[in-house]
Amino acid sequence: MMDSGMYGKIDKAKRYAEEPERIKFHHFKALIQGNNSDKTVAYEDGRWTCDCNYFSNHGVCAHTMAFELLLDKMVVPGEHPDF
């Protein structure tokens, strides 16, 4: 059985989830399942990285762009390629 304080925490969590613009990522590392193999995408200090060959040659790739679209305003702005 939950205590009464937990109900308030659950409501607050739901409100936060409904307002993703309140969440700001500063750094993270994640795995994305690519068509041919998994890739590691990282975000730190406003910069994206990916361990795929395309990113190493172009500084941007489908993997990093997918995260930018997915996370939209939840990442702290920094220097990153526009697309």
N, C-alpha and C. Protein backbone atom coordinates (compact mmCIF):
# COMPACT_ATOMS: atom_id res chain seq x y z
N MET A 1 0.84 -1.19 0.00
CA MET A 1 0.00 0.00 0.00
C MET A 1 0.88 1.24 0.00
N MET A 2 0.50 2.23 -0.80
CA MET A 2 1.28 3.47 -0.89
C MET A 2 0.86 4.44 0.20
N ASP A 3 1.85 5.23 0.69
CA ASP A 3 1.49 6.27 1.63
C ASP A 3 0.95 7.47 0.86
N SER A 4 0.31 8.40 1.55
CA SER A 4 -0.35 9.53 0.88
C SER A 4 0.65 10.40 0.13
N GLY A 5 1.87 10.49 0.60
CA GLY A 5 2.88 11.30 -0.09
C GLY A 5 3.22 10.77 -1.47
N MET A 6 3.14 9.45 -1.64
CA MET A 6 3.46 8.85 -2.93
C MET A 6 2.46 9.27 -4.01
N TYR A 7 1.19 9.44 -3.65
CA TYR A 7 0.20 9.88 -4.63
C TYR A 7 0.57 11.24 -5.20
N GLY A 8 1.03 12.13 -4.35
CA GLY A 8 1.46 13.45 -4.81
C GLY A 8 2.66 13.37 -5.73
N LYS A 9 3.60 12.47 -5.41
CA LYS A 9 4.79 12.29 -6.25
C LYS A 9 4.41 11.74 -7.62
N ILE A 10 3.47 10.83 -7.66
CA ILE A 10 3.02 10.26 -8.93
C ILE A 10 2.37 11.35 -9.79
N ASP A 11 1.52 12.17 -9.18
CA ASP A 11 0.89 13.28 -9.92
C ASP A 11 1.94 14.25 -10.46
N LYS A 12 2.92 14.56 -9.64
CA LYS A 12 3.98 15.47 -10.06
C LYS A 12 4.78 14.88 -11.21
N ALA A 13 5.08 13.60 -11.14
CA ALA A 13 5.81 12.92 -12.22
C ALA A 13 5.03 12.99 -13.52
N LYS A 14 3.73 12.80 -13.46
CA LYS A 14 2.89 12.88 -14.65
C LYS A 14 2.93 14.28 -15.25
N ARG A 15 2.89 15.31 -14.40
CA ARG A 15 2.96 16.69 -14.90
C ARG A 15 4.30 16.95 -15.57
N TYR A 16 5.39 16.49 -14.97
CA TYR A 16 6.70 16.65 -15.60
C TYR A 16 6.74 15.96 -16.96
N ALA A 17 6.21 14.77 -17.04
CA ALA A 17 6.22 14.01 -18.30
C ALA A 17 5.39 14.71 -19.38
N GLU A 18 4.37 15.44 -18.98
CA GLU A 18 3.54 16.17 -19.94
C GLU A 18 4.18 17.47 -20.41
N GLU A 19 5.25 17.88 -19.75
CA GLU A 19 5.94 19.13 -20.10
C GLU A 19 7.43 18.84 -20.35
N PRO A 20 7.74 18.12 -21.44
CA PRO A 20 9.14 17.73 -21.68
C PRO A 20 10.09 18.91 -21.84
N GLU A 21 9.55 20.09 -22.15
CA GLU A 21 10.43 21.26 -22.27
C GLU A 21 11.08 21.64 -20.93
N ARG A 22 10.60 21.10 -19.83
CA ARG A 22 11.19 21.35 -18.52
C ARG A 22 12.42 20.48 -18.27
N ILE A 23 12.63 19.48 -19.12
CA ILE A 23 13.74 18.55 -18.94
C ILE A 23 14.88 18.95 -19.86
N LYS A 24 16.07 19.07 -19.32
CA LYS A 24 17.25 19.44 -20.10
C LYS A 24 18.36 18.42 -19.85
N PHE A 25 18.78 17.75 -20.92
CA PHE A 25 19.90 16.82 -20.84
C PHE A 25 21.20 17.60 -21.02
N HIS A 26 22.19 17.31 -20.20
CA HIS A 26 23.52 17.89 -20.35
C HIS A 26 24.47 16.88 -20.98
N HIS A 27 24.28 15.62 -20.65
CA HIS A 27 25.09 14.57 -21.25
C HIS A 27 24.41 13.22 -21.08
N PHE A 28 24.64 12.35 -22.06
CA PHE A 28 24.14 10.99 -21.98
C PHE A 28 24.81 10.17 -23.07
N LYS A 29 24.68 8.88 -22.94
CA LYS A 29 25.17 7.93 -23.94
C LYS A 29 24.06 6.90 -24.12
N ALA A 30 23.75 6.59 -25.38
CA ALA A 30 22.66 5.65 -25.66
C ALA A 30 23.01 4.78 -26.85
N LEU A 31 22.38 3.65 -26.90
CA LEU A 31 22.56 2.71 -28.00
C LEU A 31 21.34 2.80 -28.90
N ILE A 32 21.58 2.88 -30.21
CA ILE A 32 20.49 2.89 -31.17
C ILE A 32 20.67 1.67 -32.09
N GLN A 33 19.61 0.96 -32.31
CA GLN A 33 19.67 -0.23 -33.17
C GLN A 33 19.60 0.21 -34.62
N GLY A 34 20.74 0.16 -35.31
CA GLY A 34 20.79 0.53 -36.71
C GLY A 34 20.33 -0.62 -37.58
N ASN A 35 20.23 -0.35 -38.87
CA ASN A 35 19.80 -1.38 -39.81
C ASN A 35 20.83 -2.51 -39.92
N ASN A 36 22.11 -2.15 -39.84
CA ASN A 36 23.17 -3.15 -39.98
C ASN A 36 23.81 -3.54 -38.66
N SER A 37 23.90 -2.60 -37.73
CA SER A 37 24.49 -2.88 -36.43
C SER A 37 24.09 -1.78 -35.45
N ASP A 38 24.28 -2.03 -34.18
CA ASP A 38 23.98 -1.03 -33.15
C ASP A 38 25.05 0.05 -33.16
N LYS A 39 24.64 1.27 -32.88
CA LYS A 39 25.56 2.41 -32.81
C LYS A 39 25.41 3.09 -31.47
N THR A 40 26.49 3.67 -31.00
CA THR A 40 26.47 4.43 -29.75
C THR A 40 26.45 5.91 -30.07
N VAL A 41 25.43 6.59 -29.58
CA VAL A 41 25.30 8.04 -29.74
C VAL A 41 25.51 8.66 -28.36
N ALA A 42 26.28 9.73 -28.34
CA ALA A 42 26.53 10.43 -27.08
C ALA A 42 26.26 11.91 -27.26
N TYR A 43 25.92 12.56 -26.16
CA TYR A 43 25.69 14.00 -26.14
C TYR A 43 26.39 14.55 -24.92
N GLU A 44 27.27 15.50 -25.12
CA GLU A 44 27.98 16.10 -24.00
C GLU A 44 28.39 17.52 -24.35
N ASP A 45 28.11 18.44 -23.43
CA ASP A 45 28.48 19.85 -23.60
C ASP A 45 28.00 20.41 -24.93
N GLY A 46 26.77 20.06 -25.32
CA GLY A 46 26.18 20.61 -26.53
C GLY A 46 26.66 19.99 -27.82
N ARG A 47 27.39 18.90 -27.74
CA ARG A 47 27.94 18.27 -28.94
C ARG A 47 27.50 16.82 -29.03
N TRP A 48 27.14 16.42 -30.23
CA TRP A 48 26.75 15.05 -30.51
C TRP A 48 27.93 14.26 -31.05
N THR A 49 27.97 12.98 -30.75
CA THR A 49 28.93 12.07 -31.36
C THR A 49 28.24 10.75 -31.64
N CYS A 50 28.77 10.05 -32.62
CA CYS A 50 28.27 8.71 -32.95
C CYS A 50 29.47 7.90 -33.43
N ASP A 51 29.44 6.61 -33.16
CA ASP A 51 30.58 5.78 -33.55
C ASP A 51 30.43 5.18 -34.96
N CYS A 52 29.49 5.71 -35.76
CA CYS A 52 29.36 5.20 -37.13
C CYS A 52 30.35 5.91 -38.06
N ASN A 53 30.64 5.27 -39.17
CA ASN A 53 31.59 5.83 -40.14
C ASN A 53 31.11 7.14 -40.74
N TYR A 54 29.83 7.25 -41.01
CA TYR A 54 29.32 8.47 -41.64
C TYR A 54 29.57 9.67 -40.74
N PHE A 55 29.31 9.52 -39.43
CA PHE A 55 29.53 10.63 -38.51
C PHE A 55 31.01 11.03 -38.49
N SER A 56 31.90 10.06 -38.49
CA SER A 56 33.33 10.39 -38.43
C SER A 56 33.78 11.20 -39.64
N ASN A 57 33.09 11.07 -40.76
CA ASN A 57 33.45 11.82 -41.97
C ASN A 57 32.66 13.11 -42.15
N HIS A 58 31.47 13.21 -41.54
CA HIS A 58 30.59 14.35 -41.80
C HIS A 58 30.19 15.14 -40.56
N GLY A 59 30.42 14.61 -39.37
CA GLY A 59 30.06 15.32 -38.15
C GLY A 59 28.58 15.30 -37.84
N VAL A 60 27.82 14.54 -38.59
CA VAL A 60 26.39 14.36 -38.37
C VAL A 60 26.00 13.05 -39.05
N CYS A 61 24.95 12.42 -38.58
CA CYS A 61 24.50 11.17 -39.20
C CYS A 61 23.02 10.97 -38.87
N ALA A 62 22.43 9.95 -39.46
CA ALA A 62 21.02 9.65 -39.21
C ALA A 62 20.78 9.35 -37.73
N HIS A 63 21.76 8.76 -37.08
CA HIS A 63 21.60 8.38 -35.67
C HIS A 63 21.52 9.62 -34.78
N THR A 64 22.43 10.58 -34.98
CA THR A 64 22.40 11.80 -34.16
C THR A 64 21.18 12.65 -34.50
N MET A 65 20.82 12.70 -35.79
CA MET A 65 19.63 13.46 -36.18
C MET A 65 18.37 12.87 -35.57
N ALA A 66 18.30 11.55 -35.47
CA ALA A 66 17.13 10.92 -34.85
C ALA A 66 16.99 11.35 -33.40
N PHE A 67 18.12 11.39 -32.68
CA PHE A 67 18.07 11.82 -31.28
C PHE A 67 17.69 13.29 -31.17
N GLU A 68 18.21 14.12 -32.07
CA GLU A 68 17.84 15.54 -32.05
C GLU A 68 16.34 15.70 -32.25
N LEU A 69 15.77 14.96 -33.18
CA LEU A 69 14.33 15.04 -33.42
C LEU A 69 13.54 14.50 -32.24
N LEU A 70 14.00 13.40 -31.68
CA LEU A 70 13.31 12.76 -30.57
C LEU A 70 13.33 13.63 -29.31
N LEU A 71 14.49 14.19 -29.00
CA LEU A 71 14.64 14.93 -27.75
C LEU A 71 14.32 16.42 -27.89
N ASP A 72 14.28 16.91 -29.11
CA ASP A 72 13.89 18.27 -29.43
C ASP A 72 14.49 19.29 -28.47
N LYS A 73 13.69 19.85 -27.60
CA LYS A 73 14.14 20.92 -26.71
C LYS A 73 14.68 20.41 -25.37
N MET A 74 14.85 19.10 -25.25
CA MET A 74 15.31 18.55 -23.98
C MET A 74 16.82 18.46 -23.89
N VAL A 75 17.54 18.93 -24.90
CA VAL A 75 18.99 18.96 -24.82
C VAL A 75 19.43 20.41 -24.67
N VAL A 76 20.50 20.60 -23.92
CA VAL A 76 21.02 21.95 -23.72
C VAL A 76 21.66 22.40 -25.02
N PRO A 77 21.26 23.56 -25.55
CA PRO A 77 21.80 24.00 -26.84
C PRO A 77 23.31 24.12 -26.81
N GLY A 78 23.90 23.83 -27.92
CA GLY A 78 25.33 23.94 -28.08
C GLY A 78 25.66 23.94 -29.55
N GLU A 79 26.90 23.72 -29.84
CA GLU A 79 27.32 23.68 -31.22
C GLU A 79 26.99 22.30 -31.78
N HIS A 80 26.12 22.26 -32.74
CA HIS A 80 25.81 21.01 -33.42
C HIS A 80 25.39 21.35 -34.84
N PRO A 81 25.61 20.45 -35.76
CA PRO A 81 25.26 20.72 -37.15
C PRO A 81 23.76 20.94 -37.33
N ASP A 82 23.40 21.90 -38.15
CA ASP A 82 22.00 22.10 -38.50
C ASP A 82 21.63 21.17 -39.64
N PHE A 83 20.40 20.74 -39.65
CA PHE A 83 19.93 19.92 -40.78
C PHE A 83 18.49 20.28 -41.07
